[in-house]
Amino acid sequence: MSYLTVEKKANIFKEFGGSEKNTGSIEAQIALLTLRITSISDHMKQNKKDFSSNRGLMKMVGQRKRLLSYLAKTDLSGYRALLEKLGLRK
């Protein structure tokens, strides 16, 4: 995982979770999954037959979908703000 350094991860948690120690916040988890999904999607464009990475990518997309639906049920305004910030659902 050379694309994800400790500093980058802490920056994501600070930006979306409120602090570097708040790793359990839904917004921070979704942001981290989005970063990982975009990185693996770029990898899959180069390596179309990497089926194990494709399976991992599909699992991450499903996890992010479940977290987004939970956030939409609990905090609709936060859900919309997060979608806008991450650039999802264009």
PDB file of N, CA and C in Angstrom:
ATOM      1  N   MET A   1       0.837  -1.181   0.000  1.00  0.00           N
ATOM      2  CA  MET A   1       0.000   0.000   0.000  1.00  0.00           C
ATOM      3  C   MET A   1       0.883   1.246   0.000  1.00  0.00           C
ATOM      4  N   SER A   2       1.653   1.420  -1.036  1.00  0.00           N
ATOM      5  CA  SER A   2       2.551   2.568  -1.086  1.00  0.00           C
ATOM      6  C   SER A   2       1.797   3.873  -1.308  1.00  0.00           C
ATOM      7  N   TYR A   3       0.575   3.817  -1.769  1.00  0.00           N
ATOM      8  CA  TYR A   3      -0.199   5.021  -2.015  1.00  0.00           C
ATOM      9  C   TYR A   3      -0.735   5.628  -0.727  1.00  0.00           C
ATOM     10  N   LEU A   4      -0.739   4.878   0.364  1.00  0.00           N
ATOM     11  CA  LEU A   4      -1.346   5.319   1.609  1.00  0.00           C
ATOM     12  C   LEU A   4      -0.286   5.373   2.708  1.00  0.00           C
ATOM     13  N   THR A   5       0.228   6.567   2.973  1.00  0.00           N
ATOM     14  CA  THR A   5       1.228   6.727   4.020  1.00  0.00           C
ATOM     15  C   THR A   5       0.528   7.064   5.336  1.00  0.00           C
ATOM     16  N   VAL A   6       1.270   7.024   6.404  1.00  0.00           N
ATOM     17  CA  VAL A   6       0.721   7.315   7.723  1.00  0.00           C
ATOM     18  C   VAL A   6       0.253   8.763   7.778  1.00  0.00           C
ATOM     19  N   GLU A   7       1.037   9.661   7.166  1.00  0.00           N
ATOM     20  CA  GLU A   7       0.674  11.078   7.179  1.00  0.00           C
ATOM     21  C   GLU A   7      -0.601  11.329   6.377  1.00  0.00           C
ATOM     22  N   LYS A   8      -0.713  10.654   5.243  1.00  0.00           N
ATOM     23  CA  LYS A   8      -1.898  10.825   4.402  1.00  0.00           C
ATOM     24  C   LYS A   8      -3.150  10.302   5.110  1.00  0.00           C
ATOM     25  N   LYS A   9      -3.009   9.177   5.778  1.00  0.00           N
ATOM     26  CA  LYS A   9      -4.124   8.589   6.512  1.00  0.00           C
ATOM     27  C   LYS A   9      -4.544   9.496   7.668  1.00  0.00           C
ATOM     28  N   ALA A  10      -3.563  10.035   8.392  1.00  0.00           N
ATOM     29  CA  ALA A  10      -3.863  10.947   9.502  1.00  0.00           C
ATOM     30  C   ALA A  10      -4.528  12.218   8.983  1.00  0.00           C
ATOM     31  N   ASN A  11      -4.114  12.673   7.813  1.00  0.00           N
ATOM     32  CA  ASN A  11      -4.714  13.866   7.205  1.00  0.00           C
ATOM     33  C   ASN A  11      -6.173  13.621   6.838  1.00  0.00           C
ATOM     34  N   ILE A  12      -6.464  12.432   6.332  1.00  0.00           N
ATOM     35  CA  ILE A  12      -7.853  12.080   5.986  1.00  0.00           C
ATOM     36  C   ILE A  12      -8.713  12.048   7.245  1.00  0.00           C
ATOM     37  N   PHE A  13      -8.199  11.429   8.302  1.00  0.00           N
ATOM     38  CA  PHE A  13      -8.965  11.354   9.540  1.00  0.00           C
ATOM     39  C   PHE A  13      -9.152  12.733  10.154  1.00  0.00           C
ATOM     40  N   LYS A  14      -8.146  13.594  10.021  1.00  0.00           N
ATOM     41  CA  LYS A  14      -8.261  14.947  10.560  1.00  0.00           C
ATOM     42  C   LYS A  14      -9.273  15.765   9.772  1.00  0.00           C
ATOM     43  N   GLU A  15      -9.277  15.606   8.455  1.00  0.00           N
ATOM     44  CA  GLU A  15     -10.179  16.388   7.609  1.00  0.00           C
ATOM     45  C   GLU A  15     -11.627  15.924   7.731  1.00  0.00           C
ATOM     46  N   PHE A  16     -11.845  14.624   7.714  1.00  0.00           N
ATOM     47  CA  PHE A  16     -13.214  14.097   7.691  1.00  0.00           C
ATOM     48  C   PHE A  16     -13.721  13.660   9.061  1.00  0.00           C
ATOM     49  N   GLY A  17     -12.819  13.249   9.960  1.00  0.00           N
ATOM     50  CA  GLY A  17     -13.250  12.745  11.249  1.00  0.00           C
ATOM     51  C   GLY A  17     -13.187  13.748  12.377  1.00  0.00           C
ATOM     52  N   GLY A  18     -12.564  14.883  12.133  1.00  0.00           N
ATOM     53  CA  GLY A  18     -12.466  15.896  13.173  1.00  0.00           C
ATOM     54  C   GLY A  18     -11.111  15.929  13.845  1.00  0.00           C
ATOM     55  N   SER A  19     -10.510  14.776  14.102  1.00  0.00           N
ATOM     56  CA  SER A  19      -9.168  14.716  14.681  1.00  0.00           C
ATOM     57  C   SER A  19      -8.457  13.485  14.120  1.00  0.00           C
ATOM     58  N   GLU A  20      -7.149  13.443  14.341  1.00  0.00           N
ATOM     59  CA  GLU A  20      -6.371  12.316  13.830  1.00  0.00           C
ATOM     60  C   GLU A  20      -6.684  11.021  14.560  1.00  0.00           C
ATOM     61  N   LYS A  21      -7.176  11.124  15.778  1.00  0.00           N
ATOM     62  CA  LYS A  21      -7.465   9.937  16.583  1.00  0.00           C
ATOM     63  C   LYS A  21      -8.868   9.388  16.342  1.00  0.00           C
ATOM     64  N   ASN A  22      -9.723  10.137  15.654  1.00  0.00           N
ATOM     65  CA  ASN A  22     -11.108   9.718  15.437  1.00  0.00           C
ATOM     66  C   ASN A  22     -11.191   8.847  14.189  1.00  0.00           C
ATOM     67  N   THR A  23     -10.688   7.628  14.292  1.00  0.00           N
ATOM     68  CA  THR A  23     -10.663   6.730  13.135  1.00  0.00           C
ATOM     69  C   THR A  23     -11.979   5.990  12.951  1.00  0.00           C
ATOM     70  N   GLY A  24     -12.875   6.071  13.917  1.00  0.00           N
ATOM     71  CA  GLY A  24     -14.120   5.326  13.841  1.00  0.00           C
ATOM     72  C   GLY A  24     -15.269   6.112  13.249  1.00  0.00           C
ATOM     73  N   SER A  25     -15.056   7.382  12.937  1.00  0.00           N
ATOM     74  CA  SER A  25     -16.156   8.176  12.405  1.00  0.00           C
ATOM     75  C   SER A  25     -16.562   7.656  11.028  1.00  0.00           C
ATOM     76  N   ILE A  26     -17.847   7.661  10.752  1.00  0.00           N
ATOM     77  CA  ILE A  26     -18.371   7.130   9.498  1.00  0.00           C
ATOM     78  C   ILE A  26     -17.811   7.915   8.317  1.00  0.00           C
ATOM     79  N   GLU A  27     -17.744   9.242   8.447  1.00  0.00           N
ATOM     80  CA  GLU A  27     -17.253  10.081   7.358  1.00  0.00           C
ATOM     81  C   GLU A  27     -15.794   9.758   7.024  1.00  0.00           C
ATOM     82  N   ALA A  28     -14.978   9.550   8.053  1.00  0.00           N
ATOM     83  CA  ALA A  28     -13.571   9.227   7.831  1.00  0.00           C
ATOM     84  C   ALA A  28     -13.411   7.850   7.198  1.00  0.00           C
ATOM     85  N   GLN A  29     -14.226   6.896   7.639  1.00  0.00           N
ATOM     86  CA  GLN A  29     -14.149   5.557   7.048  1.00  0.00           C
ATOM     87  C   GLN A  29     -14.533   5.590   5.576  1.00  0.00           C
ATOM     88  N   ILE A  30     -15.574   6.349   5.243  1.00  0.00           N
ATOM     89  CA  ILE A  30     -16.013   6.449   3.852  1.00  0.00           C
ATOM     90  C   ILE A  30     -14.948   7.133   3.006  1.00  0.00           C
ATOM     91  N   ALA A  31     -14.324   8.182   3.543  1.00  0.00           N
ATOM     92  CA  ALA A  31     -13.281   8.889   2.810  1.00  0.00           C
ATOM     93  C   ALA A  31     -12.077   7.989   2.557  1.00  0.00           C
ATOM     94  N   LEU A  32     -11.703   7.196   3.557  1.00  0.00           N
ATOM     95  CA  LEU A  32     -10.575   6.286   3.397  1.00  0.00           C
ATOM     96  C   LEU A  32     -10.900   5.197   2.372  1.00  0.00           C
ATOM     97  N   LEU A  33     -12.103   4.650   2.434  1.00  0.00           N
ATOM     98  CA  LEU A  33     -12.509   3.646   1.448  1.00  0.00           C
ATOM     99  C   LEU A  33     -12.530   4.244   0.043  1.00  0.00           C
ATOM    100  N   THR A  34     -12.966   5.485  -0.085  1.00  0.00           N
ATOM    101  CA  THR A  34     -13.007   6.125  -1.395  1.00  0.00           C
ATOM    102  C   THR A  34     -11.604   6.277  -1.966  1.00  0.00           C
ATOM    103  N   LEU A  35     -10.647   6.649  -1.119  1.00  0.00           N
ATOM    104  CA  LEU A  35      -9.267   6.761  -1.563  1.00  0.00           C
ATOM    105  C   LEU A  35      -8.733   5.410  -2.030  1.00  0.00           C
ATOM    106  N   ARG A  36      -9.009   4.374  -1.253  1.00  0.00           N
ATOM    107  CA  ARG A  36      -8.550   3.028  -1.620  1.00  0.00           C
ATOM    108  C   ARG A  36      -9.222   2.543  -2.899  1.00  0.00           C
ATOM    109  N   ILE A  37     -10.515   2.841  -3.058  1.00  0.00           N
ATOM    110  CA  ILE A  37     -11.251   2.415  -4.251  1.00  0.00           C
ATOM    111  C   ILE A  37     -10.688   3.082  -5.495  1.00  0.00           C
ATOM    112  N   THR A  38     -10.391   4.373  -5.429  1.00  0.00           N
ATOM    113  CA  THR A  38      -9.841   5.050  -6.604  1.00  0.00           C
ATOM    114  C   THR A  38      -8.462   4.511  -6.948  1.00  0.00           C
ATOM    115  N   SER A  39      -7.668   4.192  -5.930  1.00  0.00           N
ATOM    116  CA  SER A  39      -6.337   3.651  -6.187  1.00  0.00           C
ATOM    117  C   SER A  39      -6.423   2.273  -6.848  1.00  0.00           C
ATOM    118  N   ILE A  40      -7.287   1.419  -6.337  1.00  0.00           N
ATOM    119  CA  ILE A  40      -7.411   0.075  -6.907  1.00  0.00           C
ATOM    120  C   ILE A  40      -8.088   0.131  -8.277  1.00  0.00           C
ATOM    121  N   SER A  41      -8.970   1.090  -8.492  1.00  0.00           N
ATOM    122  CA  SER A  41      -9.586   1.239  -9.814  1.00  0.00           C
ATOM    123  C   SER A  41      -8.543   1.599 -10.864  1.00  0.00           C
ATOM    124  N   ASP A  42      -7.600   2.466 -10.491  1.00  0.00           N
ATOM    125  CA  ASP A  42      -6.506   2.787 -11.411  1.00  0.00           C
ATOM    126  C   ASP A  42      -5.652   1.559 -11.691  1.00  0.00           C
ATOM    127  N   HIS A  43      -5.412   0.753 -10.661  1.00  0.00           N
ATOM    128  CA  HIS A  43      -4.657  -0.488 -10.829  1.00  0.00           C
ATOM    129  C   HIS A  43      -5.396  -1.442 -11.768  1.00  0.00           C
ATOM    130  N   MET A  44      -6.714  -1.513 -11.632  1.00  0.00           N
ATOM    131  CA  MET A  44      -7.491  -2.441 -12.458  1.00  0.00           C
ATOM    132  C   MET A  44      -7.540  -2.009 -13.920  1.00  0.00           C
ATOM    133  N   LYS A  45      -7.393  -0.718 -14.198  1.00  0.00           N
ATOM    134  CA  LYS A  45      -7.333  -0.263 -15.593  1.00  0.00           C
ATOM    135  C   LYS A  45      -6.090  -0.794 -16.283  1.00  0.00           C
ATOM    136  N   GLN A  46      -4.998  -0.940 -15.533  1.00  0.00           N
ATOM    137  CA  GLN A  46      -3.760  -1.456 -16.088  1.00  0.00           C
ATOM    138  C   GLN A  46      -3.726  -2.988 -16.118  1.00  0.00           C
ATOM    139  N   ASN A  47      -4.342  -3.624 -15.121  1.00  0.00           N
ATOM    140  CA  ASN A  47      -4.268  -5.081 -14.945  1.00  0.00           C
ATOM    141  C   ASN A  47      -5.668  -5.666 -14.948  1.00  0.00           C
ATOM    142  N   LYS A  48      -6.205  -5.868 -16.119  1.00  0.00           N
ATOM    143  CA  LYS A  48      -7.600  -6.297 -16.243  1.00  0.00           C
ATOM    144  C   LYS A  48      -7.844  -7.717 -15.734  1.00  0.00           C
ATOM    145  N   LYS A  49      -6.827  -8.552 -15.708  1.00  0.00           N
ATOM    146  CA  LYS A  49      -7.019  -9.949 -15.305  1.00  0.00           C
ATOM    147  C   LYS A  49      -6.642 -10.216 -13.853  1.00  0.00           C
ATOM    148  N   ASP A  50      -6.454  -9.187 -13.068  1.00  0.00           N
ATOM    149  CA  ASP A  50      -6.138  -9.342 -11.654  1.00  0.00           C
ATOM    150  C   ASP A  50      -7.447  -9.548 -10.896  1.00  0.00           C
ATOM    151  N   PHE A  51      -7.880 -10.781 -10.840  1.00  0.00           N
ATOM    152  CA  PHE A  51      -9.202 -11.097 -10.307  1.00  0.00           C
ATOM    153  C   PHE A  51      -9.274 -10.961  -8.788  1.00  0.00           C
ATOM    154  N   SER A  52      -8.171 -11.213  -8.091  1.00  0.00           N
ATOM    155  CA  SER A  52      -8.203 -11.084  -6.640  1.00  0.00           C
ATOM    156  C   SER A  52      -8.322  -9.619  -6.224  1.00  0.00           C
ATOM    157  N   SER A  53      -7.659  -8.721  -6.940  1.00  0.00           N
ATOM    158  CA  SER A  53      -7.818  -7.293  -6.650  1.00  0.00           C
ATOM    159  C   SER A  53      -9.216  -6.826  -7.010  1.00  0.00           C
ATOM    160  N   ASN A  54      -9.777  -7.400  -8.059  1.00  0.00           N
ATOM    161  CA  ASN A  54     -11.137  -7.043  -8.460  1.00  0.00           C
ATOM    162  C   ASN A  54     -12.139  -7.450  -7.385  1.00  0.00           C
ATOM    163  N   ARG A  55     -11.925  -8.608  -6.786  1.00  0.00           N
ATOM    164  CA  ARG A  55     -12.816  -9.052  -5.713  1.00  0.00           C
ATOM    165  C   ARG A  55     -12.705  -8.134  -4.509  1.00  0.00           C
ATOM    166  N   GLY A  56     -11.491  -7.759  -4.158  1.00  0.00           N
ATOM    167  CA  GLY A  56     -11.291  -6.828  -3.051  1.00  0.00           C
ATOM    168  C   GLY A  56     -11.927  -5.479  -3.328  1.00  0.00           C
ATOM    169  N   LEU A  57     -11.842  -5.043  -4.576  1.00  0.00           N
ATOM    170  CA  LEU A  57     -12.461  -3.776  -4.969  1.00  0.00           C
ATOM    171  C   LEU A  57     -13.974  -3.839  -4.818  1.00  0.00           C
ATOM    172  N   MET A  58     -14.576  -4.938  -5.237  1.00  0.00           N
ATOM    173  CA  MET A  58     -16.026  -5.075  -5.114  1.00  0.00           C
ATOM    174  C   MET A  58     -16.463  -5.130  -3.644  1.00  0.00           C
ATOM    175  N   LYS A  59     -15.655  -5.764  -2.793  1.00  0.00           N
ATOM    176  CA  LYS A  59     -15.975  -5.802  -1.363  1.00  0.00           C
ATOM    177  C   LYS A  59     -15.910  -4.403  -0.758  1.00  0.00           C
ATOM    178  N   MET A  60     -14.903  -3.619  -1.166  1.00  0.00           N
ATOM    179  CA  MET A  60     -14.782  -2.257  -0.645  1.00  0.00           C
ATOM    180  C   MET A  60     -15.928  -1.371  -1.117  1.00  0.00           C
ATOM    181  N   VAL A  61     -16.335  -1.541  -2.366  1.00  0.00           N
ATOM    182  CA  VAL A  61     -17.459  -0.759  -2.889  1.00  0.00           C
ATOM    183  C   VAL A  61     -18.732  -1.094  -2.119  1.00  0.00           C
ATOM    184  N   GLY A  62     -18.943  -2.375  -1.818  1.00  0.00           N
ATOM    185  CA  GLY A  62     -20.111  -2.787  -1.044  1.00  0.00           C
ATOM    186  C   GLY A  62     -20.075  -2.243   0.375  1.00  0.00           C
ATOM    187  N   GLN A  63     -18.898  -2.259   0.988  1.00  0.00           N
ATOM    188  CA  GLN A  63     -18.759  -1.717   2.344  1.00  0.00           C
ATOM    189  C   GLN A  63     -19.049  -0.225   2.361  1.00  0.00           C
ATOM    190  N   ARG A  64     -18.520   0.502   1.367  1.00  0.00           N
ATOM    191  CA  ARG A  64     -18.772   1.938   1.298  1.00  0.00           C
ATOM    192  C   ARG A  64     -20.250   2.218   1.069  1.00  0.00           C
ATOM    193  N   LYS A  65     -20.902   1.381   0.271  1.00  0.00           N
ATOM    194  CA  LYS A  65     -22.335   1.550   0.024  1.00  0.00           C
ATOM    195  C   LYS A  65     -23.138   1.363   1.302  1.00  0.00           C
ATOM    196  N   ARG A  66     -22.772   0.353   2.105  1.00  0.00           N
ATOM    197  CA  ARG A  66     -23.465   0.125   3.369  1.00  0.00           C
ATOM    198  C   ARG A  66     -23.246   1.282   4.332  1.00  0.00           C
ATOM    199  N   LEU A  67     -22.023   1.792   4.402  1.00  0.00           N
ATOM    200  CA  LEU A  67     -21.747   2.916   5.291  1.00  0.00           C
ATOM    201  C   LEU A  67     -22.483   4.175   4.831  1.00  0.00           C
ATOM    202  N   LEU A  68     -22.551   4.399   3.522  1.00  0.00           N
ATOM    203  CA  LEU A  68     -23.266   5.567   3.003  1.00  0.00           C
ATOM    204  C   LEU A  68     -24.761   5.473   3.277  1.00  0.00           C
ATOM    205  N   SER A  69     -25.329   4.281   3.154  1.00  0.00           N
ATOM    206  CA  SER A  69     -26.761   4.146   3.427  1.00  0.00           C
ATOM    207  C   SER A  69     -27.045   4.353   4.915  1.00  0.00           C
ATOM    208  N   TYR A  70     -26.142   3.900   5.791  1.00  0.00           N
ATOM    209  CA  TYR A  70     -26.299   4.135   7.223  1.00  0.00           C
ATOM    210  C   TYR A  70     -26.227   5.631   7.523  1.00  0.00           C
ATOM    211  N   LEU A  71     -25.274   6.311   6.897  1.00  0.00           N
ATOM    212  CA  LEU A  71     -25.134   7.745   7.115  1.00  0.00           C
ATOM    213  C   LEU A  71     -26.348   8.505   6.599  1.00  0.00           C
ATOM    214  N   ALA A  72     -26.905   8.058   5.490  1.00  0.00           N
ATOM    215  CA  ALA A  72     -28.099   8.717   4.945  1.00  0.00           C
ATOM    216  C   ALA A  72     -29.287   8.547   5.873  1.00  0.00           C
ATOM    217  N   LYS A  73     -29.375   7.397   6.541  1.00  0.00           N
ATOM    218  CA  LYS A  73     -30.486   7.166   7.463  1.00  0.00           C
ATOM    219  C   LYS A  73     -30.335   7.969   8.747  1.00  0.00           C
ATOM    220  N   THR A  74     -29.110   8.136   9.223  1.00  0.00           N
ATOM    221  CA  THR A  74     -28.905   8.781  10.514  1.00  0.00           C
ATOM    222  C   THR A  74     -28.692  10.286  10.414  1.00  0.00           C
ATOM    223  N   ASP A  75     -27.990  10.748   9.366  1.00  0.00           N
ATOM    224  CA  ASP A  75     -27.648  12.171   9.261  1.00  0.00           C
ATOM    225  C   ASP A  75     -27.685  12.572   7.795  1.00  0.00           C
ATOM    226  N   LEU A  76     -28.857  12.986   7.324  1.00  0.00           N
ATOM    227  CA  LEU A  76     -29.039  13.281   5.902  1.00  0.00           C
ATOM    228  C   LEU A  76     -28.211  14.483   5.455  1.00  0.00           C
ATOM    229  N   SER A  77     -28.142  15.521   6.260  1.00  0.00           N
ATOM    230  CA  SER A  77     -27.369  16.701   5.861  1.00  0.00           C
ATOM    231  C   SER A  77     -25.875  16.383   5.811  1.00  0.00           C
ATOM    232  N   GLY A  78     -25.398  15.583   6.756  1.00  0.00           N
ATOM    233  CA  GLY A  78     -24.002  15.150   6.736  1.00  0.00           C
ATOM    234  C   GLY A  78     -23.703  14.262   5.545  1.00  0.00           C
ATOM    235  N   TYR A  79     -24.670  13.434   5.180  1.00  0.00           N
ATOM    236  CA  TYR A  79     -24.538  12.559   4.017  1.00  0.00           C
ATOM    237  C   TYR A  79     -24.376  13.387   2.749  1.00  0.00           C
ATOM    238  N   ARG A  80     -25.227  14.393   2.591  1.00  0.00           N
ATOM    239  CA  ARG A  80     -25.159  15.239   1.387  1.00  0.00           C
ATOM    240  C   ARG A  80     -23.865  16.040   1.347  1.00  0.00           C
ATOM    241  N   ALA A  81     -23.431  16.527   2.501  1.00  0.00           N
ATOM    242  CA  ALA A  81     -22.182  17.286   2.559  1.00  0.00           C
ATOM    243  C   ALA A  81     -20.986  16.401   2.215  1.00  0.00           C
ATOM    244  N   LEU A  82     -21.004  15.159   2.686  1.00  0.00           N
ATOM    245  CA  LEU A  82     -19.902  14.238   2.397  1.00  0.00           C
ATOM    246  C   LEU A  82     -19.858  13.881   0.924  1.00  0.00           C
ATOM    247  N   LEU A  83     -21.017  13.654   0.312  1.00  0.00           N
ATOM    248  CA  LEU A  83     -21.057  13.354  -1.118  1.00  0.00           C
ATOM    249  C   LEU A  83     -20.495  14.516  -1.927  1.00  0.00           C
ATOM    250  N   GLU A  84     -20.831  15.729  -1.519  1.00  0.00           N
ATOM    251  CA  GLU A  84     -20.339  16.907  -2.204  1.00  0.00           C
ATOM    252  C   GLU A  84     -18.824  17.037  -2.049  1.00  0.00           C
ATOM    253  N   LYS A  85     -18.336  16.775  -0.835  1.00  0.00           N
ATOM    254  CA  LYS A  85     -16.915  16.914  -0.538  1.00  0.00           C
ATOM    255  C   LYS A  85     -16.068  15.870  -1.267  1.00  0.00           C
ATOM    256  N   LEU A  86     -16.589  14.642  -1.347  1.00  0.00           N
ATOM    257  CA  LEU A  86     -15.835  13.564  -1.995  1.00  0.00           C
ATOM    258  C   LEU A  86     -16.051  13.513  -3.497  1.00  0.00           C
ATOM    259  N   GLY A  87     -17.082  14.174  -3.983  1.00  0.00           N
ATOM    260  CA  GLY A  87     -17.346  14.162  -5.422  1.00  0.00           C
ATOM    261  C   GLY A  87     -17.997  12.869  -5.890  1.00  0.00           C
ATOM    262  N   LEU A  88     -18.807  12.255  -5.040  1.00  0.00           N
ATOM    263  CA  LEU A  88     -19.504  11.036  -5.411  1.00  0.00           C
ATOM    264  C   LEU A  88     -20.899  11.381  -5.946  1.00  0.00           C
ATOM    265  N   ARG A  89     -21.485  10.463  -6.662  1.00  0.00           N
ATOM    266  CA  ARG A  89     -22.861  10.594  -7.190  1.00  0.00           C
ATOM    267  C   ARG A  89     -23.053  11.878  -7.981  1.00  0.00           C
ATOM    268  N   LYS A  90     -22.377  11.951  -9.086  1.00  0.00           N
ATOM    269  CA  LYS A  90     -22.427  13.168  -9.903  1.00  0.00           C
ATOM    270  C   LYS A  90     -23.707  13.303 -10.673  1.00  0.00           C
TER     271      LYS A  90
END
